[in-house]
Amino acid sequence: MNHNVSDFIIRIRNAALAKRKEVILPFSNINKEIGRVLVKEGFLENIKEEKDGNKKSLKATVKYEKRLPVLTDVIIISKPSLRVYKPVRHIGNIQRKGKKIVIISTSLGVMSGNDAQKKGIGGEILFTIW
């Protein structure tokens, strides 16, 4: 596991494609914040922090509509080998119309592209999800 964010979101996507209701994810503060944003945007039903002895983990519940997962695919944009930073004026070009949403790590925390545009800040483009 070289990149926490990629591992986190790919595990959620794989669970959705395998029609799993819940998935156990590694705990980190950025994973917890990304999970909070995905719940707010409607891709996950909820995310809980669990503790097993000294080890923390996250338990996410995948959201379904008419027995189909809401999350259909994801594209990882920032990687350990290539970080992608964009100002607020370029976020609209990355985020197209429809259900496609960009998740951004900003100086004010992790947020969706719409929230970043409303607040007028850019940052590291983590991934695109739809």
N, C-alpha and C. Protein backbone atom coordinates (compact mmCIF):
# COMPACT_ATOMS: atom_id res chain seq x y z
N MET A 1 0.86 -1.17 0.00
CA MET A 1 0.00 0.00 0.00
C MET A 1 0.90 1.23 0.00
N ASN A 2 0.97 1.88 -1.13
CA ASN A 2 1.85 3.02 -1.27
C ASN A 2 1.12 4.35 -1.11
N HIS A 3 -0.15 4.36 -1.40
CA HIS A 3 -0.91 5.61 -1.37
C HIS A 3 -2.24 5.36 -0.67
N ASN A 4 -2.42 5.98 0.51
CA ASN A 4 -3.61 5.75 1.33
C ASN A 4 -4.90 6.11 0.62
N VAL A 5 -4.92 7.25 -0.06
CA VAL A 5 -6.14 7.72 -0.70
C VAL A 5 -6.58 6.77 -1.81
N SER A 6 -5.64 6.34 -2.65
CA SER A 6 -5.96 5.42 -3.74
C SER A 6 -6.48 4.10 -3.19
N ASP A 7 -5.80 3.57 -2.19
CA ASP A 7 -6.22 2.31 -1.58
C ASP A 7 -7.62 2.43 -1.00
N PHE A 8 -7.89 3.52 -0.32
CA PHE A 8 -9.19 3.76 0.32
C PHE A 8 -10.32 3.77 -0.71
N ILE A 9 -10.17 4.56 -1.76
CA ILE A 9 -11.27 4.73 -2.72
C ILE A 9 -11.44 3.50 -3.60
N ILE A 10 -10.35 2.82 -3.93
CA ILE A 10 -10.45 1.61 -4.75
C ILE A 10 -11.13 0.48 -3.96
N ARG A 11 -10.87 0.40 -2.66
CA ARG A 11 -11.56 -0.61 -1.84
C ARG A 11 -13.06 -0.36 -1.82
N ILE A 12 -13.46 0.90 -1.75
CA ILE A 12 -14.89 1.23 -1.77
C ILE A 12 -15.49 0.87 -3.12
N ARG A 13 -14.79 1.21 -4.21
CA ARG A 13 -15.29 0.88 -5.55
C ARG A 13 -15.42 -0.63 -5.74
N ASN A 14 -14.42 -1.38 -5.30
CA ASN A 14 -14.47 -2.84 -5.45
C ASN A 14 -15.61 -3.45 -4.64
N ALA A 15 -15.86 -2.91 -3.45
CA ALA A 15 -16.97 -3.39 -2.64
C ALA A 15 -18.31 -3.10 -3.33
N ALA A 16 -18.42 -1.93 -3.94
CA ALA A 16 -19.65 -1.57 -4.65
C ALA A 16 -19.87 -2.48 -5.86
N LEU A 17 -18.80 -2.75 -6.62
CA LEU A 17 -18.92 -3.62 -7.79
C LEU A 17 -19.22 -5.06 -7.40
N ALA A 18 -18.74 -5.49 -6.23
CA ALA A 18 -19.01 -6.84 -5.74
C ALA A 18 -20.35 -6.91 -4.99
N LYS A 19 -21.09 -5.81 -4.96
CA LYS A 19 -22.39 -5.69 -4.31
C LYS A 19 -22.33 -6.00 -2.81
N ARG A 20 -21.26 -5.55 -2.17
CA ARG A 20 -21.13 -5.67 -0.72
C ARG A 20 -21.82 -4.49 -0.05
N LYS A 21 -22.41 -4.74 1.09
CA LYS A 21 -23.11 -3.67 1.81
C LYS A 21 -22.12 -2.85 2.65
N GLU A 22 -21.15 -3.54 3.28
CA GLU A 22 -20.19 -2.85 4.13
C GLU A 22 -18.77 -3.22 3.73
N VAL A 23 -17.85 -2.31 4.01
CA VAL A 23 -16.44 -2.54 3.72
C VAL A 23 -15.61 -1.97 4.86
N ILE A 24 -14.58 -2.73 5.26
CA ILE A 24 -13.66 -2.29 6.31
C ILE A 24 -12.47 -1.62 5.63
N LEU A 25 -12.12 -0.42 6.10
CA LEU A 25 -11.08 0.39 5.46
C LEU A 25 -10.02 0.78 6.48
N PRO A 26 -8.79 1.01 6.02
CA PRO A 26 -7.74 1.44 6.96
C PRO A 26 -8.03 2.86 7.47
N PHE A 27 -7.68 3.10 8.72
CA PHE A 27 -7.94 4.40 9.32
C PHE A 27 -6.78 5.36 9.10
N SER A 28 -7.12 6.57 8.68
CA SER A 28 -6.23 7.72 8.71
C SER A 28 -7.15 8.94 8.71
N ASN A 29 -6.61 10.06 9.13
CA ASN A 29 -7.45 11.27 9.21
C ASN A 29 -7.96 11.69 7.84
N ILE A 30 -7.12 11.57 6.79
CA ILE A 30 -7.58 11.98 5.46
C ILE A 30 -8.64 11.01 4.95
N ASN A 31 -8.51 9.71 5.25
CA ASN A 31 -9.54 8.75 4.84
C ASN A 31 -10.87 9.04 5.53
N LYS A 32 -10.80 9.41 6.79
CA LYS A 32 -12.01 9.76 7.53
C LYS A 32 -12.69 10.98 6.92
N GLU A 33 -11.91 11.99 6.55
CA GLU A 33 -12.48 13.20 5.94
C GLU A 33 -13.04 12.92 4.54
N ILE A 34 -12.35 12.10 3.77
CA ILE A 34 -12.87 11.73 2.44
C ILE A 34 -14.17 10.97 2.60
N GLY A 35 -14.23 10.06 3.56
CA GLY A 35 -15.47 9.32 3.82
C GLY A 35 -16.61 10.24 4.20
N ARG A 36 -16.31 11.26 5.01
CA ARG A 36 -17.33 12.24 5.39
C ARG A 36 -17.87 12.98 4.17
N VAL A 37 -16.97 13.34 3.24
CA VAL A 37 -17.39 14.03 2.02
C VAL A 37 -18.23 13.10 1.14
N LEU A 38 -17.84 11.82 1.05
CA LEU A 38 -18.60 10.87 0.23
C LEU A 38 -19.99 10.60 0.81
N VAL A 39 -20.12 10.65 2.12
CA VAL A 39 -21.45 10.53 2.74
C VAL A 39 -22.28 11.76 2.40
N LYS A 40 -21.68 12.93 2.49
CA LYS A 40 -22.38 14.19 2.19
C LYS A 40 -22.83 14.24 0.73
N GLU A 41 -22.00 13.71 -0.17
CA GLU A 41 -22.33 13.74 -1.60
C GLU A 41 -23.25 12.59 -2.02
N GLY A 42 -23.50 11.63 -1.14
CA GLY A 42 -24.47 10.58 -1.42
C GLY A 42 -23.90 9.30 -2.01
N PHE A 43 -22.61 9.08 -1.93
CA PHE A 43 -22.02 7.84 -2.45
C PHE A 43 -21.96 6.75 -1.38
N LEU A 44 -21.90 7.15 -0.11
CA LEU A 44 -21.91 6.22 1.02
C LEU A 44 -23.08 6.57 1.93
N GLU A 45 -23.64 5.54 2.59
CA GLU A 45 -24.71 5.81 3.55
C GLU A 45 -24.14 6.40 4.84
N ASN A 46 -23.08 5.77 5.35
CA ASN A 46 -22.42 6.30 6.53
C ASN A 46 -21.02 5.71 6.64
N ILE A 47 -20.23 6.31 7.51
CA ILE A 47 -18.87 5.81 7.78
C ILE A 47 -18.65 5.94 9.28
N LYS A 48 -18.17 4.84 9.89
CA LYS A 48 -17.97 4.81 11.33
C LYS A 48 -16.53 4.45 11.64
N GLU A 49 -16.05 5.00 12.73
CA GLU A 49 -14.72 4.68 13.22
C GLU A 49 -14.85 3.54 14.22
N GLU A 50 -14.09 2.46 14.01
CA GLU A 50 -14.13 1.32 14.91
C GLU A 50 -12.76 1.09 15.51
N LYS A 51 -12.75 0.57 16.72
CA LYS A 51 -11.48 0.31 17.40
C LYS A 51 -11.45 -1.15 17.82
N ASP A 52 -10.41 -1.85 17.40
CA ASP A 52 -10.22 -3.25 17.77
C ASP A 52 -8.89 -3.36 18.49
N GLY A 53 -8.94 -3.30 19.81
CA GLY A 53 -7.70 -3.25 20.58
C GLY A 53 -7.04 -1.90 20.41
N ASN A 54 -5.82 -1.89 19.88
CA ASN A 54 -5.11 -0.63 19.60
C ASN A 54 -5.29 -0.18 18.17
N LYS A 55 -5.86 -1.02 17.33
CA LYS A 55 -5.96 -0.71 15.90
C LYS A 55 -7.31 -0.07 15.56
N LYS A 56 -7.26 1.05 14.87
CA LYS A 56 -8.47 1.72 14.41
C LYS A 56 -8.73 1.35 12.96
N SER A 57 -10.01 1.31 12.60
CA SER A 57 -10.40 1.10 11.21
C SER A 57 -11.68 1.87 10.95
N LEU A 58 -12.03 1.97 9.70
CA LEU A 58 -13.26 2.64 9.29
C LEU A 58 -14.19 1.61 8.67
N LYS A 59 -15.47 1.69 9.01
CA LYS A 59 -16.46 0.80 8.42
C LYS A 59 -17.43 1.66 7.61
N ALA A 60 -17.43 1.46 6.30
CA ALA A 60 -18.28 2.26 5.41
C ALA A 60 -19.43 1.40 4.91
N THR A 61 -20.60 2.00 4.80
CA THR A 61 -21.77 1.34 4.24
C THR A 61 -22.02 1.93 2.86
N VAL A 62 -21.96 1.09 1.84
CA VAL A 62 -22.12 1.52 0.45
C VAL A 62 -23.59 1.79 0.18
N LYS A 63 -23.87 2.86 -0.55
CA LYS A 63 -25.25 3.25 -0.85
C LYS A 63 -25.70 2.63 -2.17
N TYR A 64 -26.92 2.11 -2.18
CA TYR A 64 -27.50 1.51 -3.37
C TYR A 64 -28.83 2.18 -3.70
N GLU A 65 -29.14 2.26 -4.99
CA GLU A 65 -30.45 2.72 -5.46
C GLU A 65 -30.97 1.67 -6.43
N LYS A 66 -32.12 1.10 -6.12
CA LYS A 66 -32.73 0.04 -6.93
C LYS A 66 -31.75 -1.11 -7.16
N ARG A 67 -31.08 -1.51 -6.09
CA ARG A 67 -30.14 -2.63 -6.06
C ARG A 67 -28.90 -2.42 -6.92
N LEU A 68 -28.65 -1.19 -7.35
CA LEU A 68 -27.43 -0.85 -8.08
C LEU A 68 -26.63 0.15 -7.24
N PRO A 69 -25.30 0.01 -7.19
CA PRO A 69 -24.51 0.95 -6.39
C PRO A 69 -24.53 2.35 -6.98
N VAL A 70 -24.59 3.36 -6.12
CA VAL A 70 -24.55 4.75 -6.56
C VAL A 70 -23.18 5.06 -7.15
N LEU A 71 -22.13 4.53 -6.52
CA LEU A 71 -20.76 4.73 -6.99
C LEU A 71 -20.51 3.74 -8.14
N THR A 72 -20.26 4.27 -9.32
CA THR A 72 -20.02 3.39 -10.46
C THR A 72 -18.56 3.30 -10.84
N ASP A 73 -17.82 4.41 -10.76
CA ASP A 73 -16.41 4.36 -11.12
C ASP A 73 -15.67 5.54 -10.49
N VAL A 74 -14.35 5.45 -10.52
CA VAL A 74 -13.50 6.47 -9.93
C VAL A 74 -12.23 6.56 -10.77
N ILE A 75 -11.70 7.76 -10.89
CA ILE A 75 -10.39 7.97 -11.53
C ILE A 75 -9.50 8.68 -10.54
N ILE A 76 -8.36 8.05 -10.22
CA ILE A 76 -7.38 8.65 -9.32
C ILE A 76 -6.58 9.67 -10.13
N ILE A 77 -6.54 10.92 -9.67
CA ILE A 77 -5.83 11.96 -10.41
C ILE A 77 -4.47 12.22 -9.78
N SER A 78 -4.42 12.52 -8.48
CA SER A 78 -3.13 12.73 -7.80
C SER A 78 -2.59 11.41 -7.33
N LYS A 79 -1.33 11.17 -7.66
CA LYS A 79 -0.65 9.94 -7.27
C LYS A 79 0.63 10.33 -6.55
N PRO A 80 1.29 9.39 -5.88
CA PRO A 80 2.54 9.74 -5.20
C PRO A 80 3.61 10.25 -6.18
N SER A 81 3.58 9.74 -7.41
CA SER A 81 4.59 10.15 -8.39
C SER A 81 4.24 11.47 -9.07
N LEU A 82 2.96 11.86 -9.04
CA LEU A 82 2.54 13.08 -9.71
C LEU A 82 1.37 13.71 -8.97
N ARG A 83 1.64 14.75 -8.21
CA ARG A 83 0.59 15.48 -7.50
C ARG A 83 0.03 16.53 -8.44
N VAL A 84 -1.30 16.67 -8.45
CA VAL A 84 -1.96 17.62 -9.35
C VAL A 84 -2.65 18.69 -8.51
N TYR A 85 -2.18 19.92 -8.64
CA TYR A 85 -2.76 21.07 -7.93
C TYR A 85 -3.41 21.99 -8.95
N LYS A 86 -4.61 22.46 -8.66
CA LYS A 86 -5.33 23.35 -9.58
C LYS A 86 -5.94 24.51 -8.81
N PRO A 87 -5.94 25.70 -9.43
CA PRO A 87 -6.66 26.83 -8.82
C PRO A 87 -8.16 26.66 -9.02
N VAL A 88 -8.92 27.50 -8.36
CA VAL A 88 -10.38 27.36 -8.36
C VAL A 88 -10.97 27.50 -9.76
N ARG A 89 -10.38 28.29 -10.62
CA ARG A 89 -10.97 28.50 -11.96
C ARG A 89 -10.87 27.27 -12.85
N HIS A 90 -9.99 26.31 -12.53
CA HIS A 90 -9.85 25.10 -13.35
C HIS A 90 -10.68 23.92 -12.83
N ILE A 91 -11.28 24.06 -11.68
CA ILE A 91 -12.05 22.95 -11.11
C ILE A 91 -13.27 22.64 -11.96
N GLY A 92 -13.93 23.65 -12.49
CA GLY A 92 -15.11 23.45 -13.34
C GLY A 92 -14.78 22.68 -14.60
N ASN A 93 -13.57 22.84 -15.15
CA ASN A 93 -13.18 22.10 -16.34
C ASN A 93 -13.00 20.62 -16.05
N ILE A 94 -12.53 20.29 -14.86
CA ILE A 94 -12.32 18.89 -14.49
C ILE A 94 -13.64 18.23 -14.13
N GLN A 95 -14.49 19.00 -13.46
CA GLN A 95 -15.77 18.47 -13.00
C GLN A 95 -16.84 18.75 -14.05
N ARG A 96 -17.27 17.74 -14.72
CA ARG A 96 -18.28 17.89 -15.77
C ARG A 96 -19.68 17.82 -15.18
N LYS A 97 -20.66 18.11 -16.01
CA LYS A 97 -22.05 18.08 -15.55
C LYS A 97 -22.47 16.64 -15.25
N GLY A 98 -23.51 16.51 -14.45
CA GLY A 98 -24.01 15.19 -14.09
C GLY A 98 -23.59 14.82 -12.68
N LYS A 99 -23.41 13.55 -12.43
CA LYS A 99 -23.07 13.05 -11.10
C LYS A 99 -21.57 13.03 -10.85
N LYS A 100 -20.75 13.41 -11.83
CA LYS A 100 -19.30 13.36 -11.67
C LYS A 100 -18.86 14.45 -10.69
N ILE A 101 -18.12 14.03 -9.66
CA ILE A 101 -17.70 14.95 -8.61
C ILE A 101 -16.20 14.83 -8.40
N VAL A 102 -15.55 15.96 -8.19
CA VAL A 102 -14.12 16.00 -7.91
C VAL A 102 -13.93 16.17 -6.41
N ILE A 103 -13.03 15.38 -5.82
CA ILE A 103 -12.71 15.52 -4.41
C ILE A 103 -11.34 16.19 -4.31
N ILE A 104 -11.28 17.27 -3.51
CA ILE A 104 -10.10 18.13 -3.45
C ILE A 104 -9.62 18.26 -2.01
N SER A 105 -8.31 18.22 -1.84
CA SER A 105 -7.70 18.50 -0.55
C SER A 105 -7.23 19.96 -0.57
N THR A 106 -7.85 20.79 0.26
CA THR A 106 -7.53 22.21 0.28
C THR A 106 -6.93 22.59 1.63
N SER A 107 -6.60 23.86 1.77
CA SER A 107 -6.09 24.35 3.04
C SER A 107 -7.18 24.37 4.11
N LEU A 108 -8.44 24.31 3.71
CA LEU A 108 -9.56 24.28 4.65
C LEU A 108 -10.08 22.86 4.88
N GLY A 109 -9.38 21.85 4.37
CA GLY A 109 -9.79 20.47 4.55
C GLY A 109 -10.20 19.83 3.24
N VAL A 110 -10.64 18.59 3.32
CA VAL A 110 -11.08 17.84 2.14
C VAL A 110 -12.51 18.24 1.83
N MET A 111 -12.79 18.53 0.56
CA MET A 111 -14.14 18.92 0.15
C MET A 111 -14.38 18.56 -1.30
N SER A 112 -15.63 18.65 -1.71
CA SER A 112 -15.98 18.40 -3.11
C SER A 112 -15.64 19.63 -3.96
N GLY A 113 -15.63 19.44 -5.26
CA GLY A 113 -15.32 20.54 -6.17
C GLY A 113 -16.33 21.68 -6.07
N ASN A 114 -17.60 21.35 -5.86
CA ASN A 114 -18.63 22.38 -5.74
C ASN A 114 -18.39 23.25 -4.51
N ASP A 115 -18.06 22.62 -3.39
CA ASP A 115 -17.80 23.39 -2.17
C ASP A 115 -16.57 24.26 -2.32
N ALA A 116 -15.54 23.73 -2.99
CA ALA A 116 -14.31 24.51 -3.20
C ALA A 116 -14.58 25.72 -4.09
N GLN A 117 -15.42 25.55 -5.11
CA GLN A 117 -15.77 26.67 -5.97
C GLN A 117 -16.56 27.73 -5.21
N LYS A 118 -17.48 27.30 -4.34
CA LYS A 118 -18.25 28.25 -3.55
C LYS A 118 -17.37 29.05 -2.60
N LYS A 119 -16.34 28.38 -2.04
CA LYS A 119 -15.44 29.05 -1.11
C LYS A 119 -14.31 29.77 -1.83
N GLY A 120 -14.15 29.51 -3.12
CA GLY A 120 -13.15 30.21 -3.91
C GLY A 120 -11.72 29.77 -3.66
N ILE A 121 -11.51 28.48 -3.37
CA ILE A 121 -10.15 27.99 -3.12
C ILE A 121 -9.87 26.76 -3.99
N GLY A 122 -8.62 26.60 -4.34
CA GLY A 122 -8.17 25.44 -5.09
C GLY A 122 -7.37 24.54 -4.18
N GLY A 123 -6.75 23.51 -4.78
CA GLY A 123 -5.94 22.61 -3.98
C GLY A 123 -5.53 21.40 -4.79
N GLU A 124 -5.19 20.34 -4.09
CA GLU A 124 -4.77 19.10 -4.73
C GLU A 124 -6.00 18.31 -5.15
N ILE A 125 -6.09 17.99 -6.43
CA ILE A 125 -7.20 17.20 -6.97
C ILE A 125 -6.90 15.74 -6.66
N LEU A 126 -7.64 15.14 -5.73
CA LEU A 126 -7.37 13.77 -5.33
C LEU A 126 -7.91 12.75 -6.34
N PHE A 127 -9.23 12.82 -6.60
CA PHE A 127 -9.84 11.88 -7.55
C PHE A 127 -11.19 12.41 -8.03
N THR A 128 -11.67 11.79 -9.09
CA THR A 128 -12.99 12.08 -9.64
C THR A 128 -13.84 10.85 -9.43
N ILE A 129 -15.07 11.05 -9.01
CA ILE A 129 -15.97 9.93 -8.70
C ILE A 129 -17.32 10.17 -9.33
N TRP A 130 -17.95 9.10 -9.79
CA TRP A 130 -19.31 9.18 -10.32
C TRP A 130 -20.00 7.86 -10.18
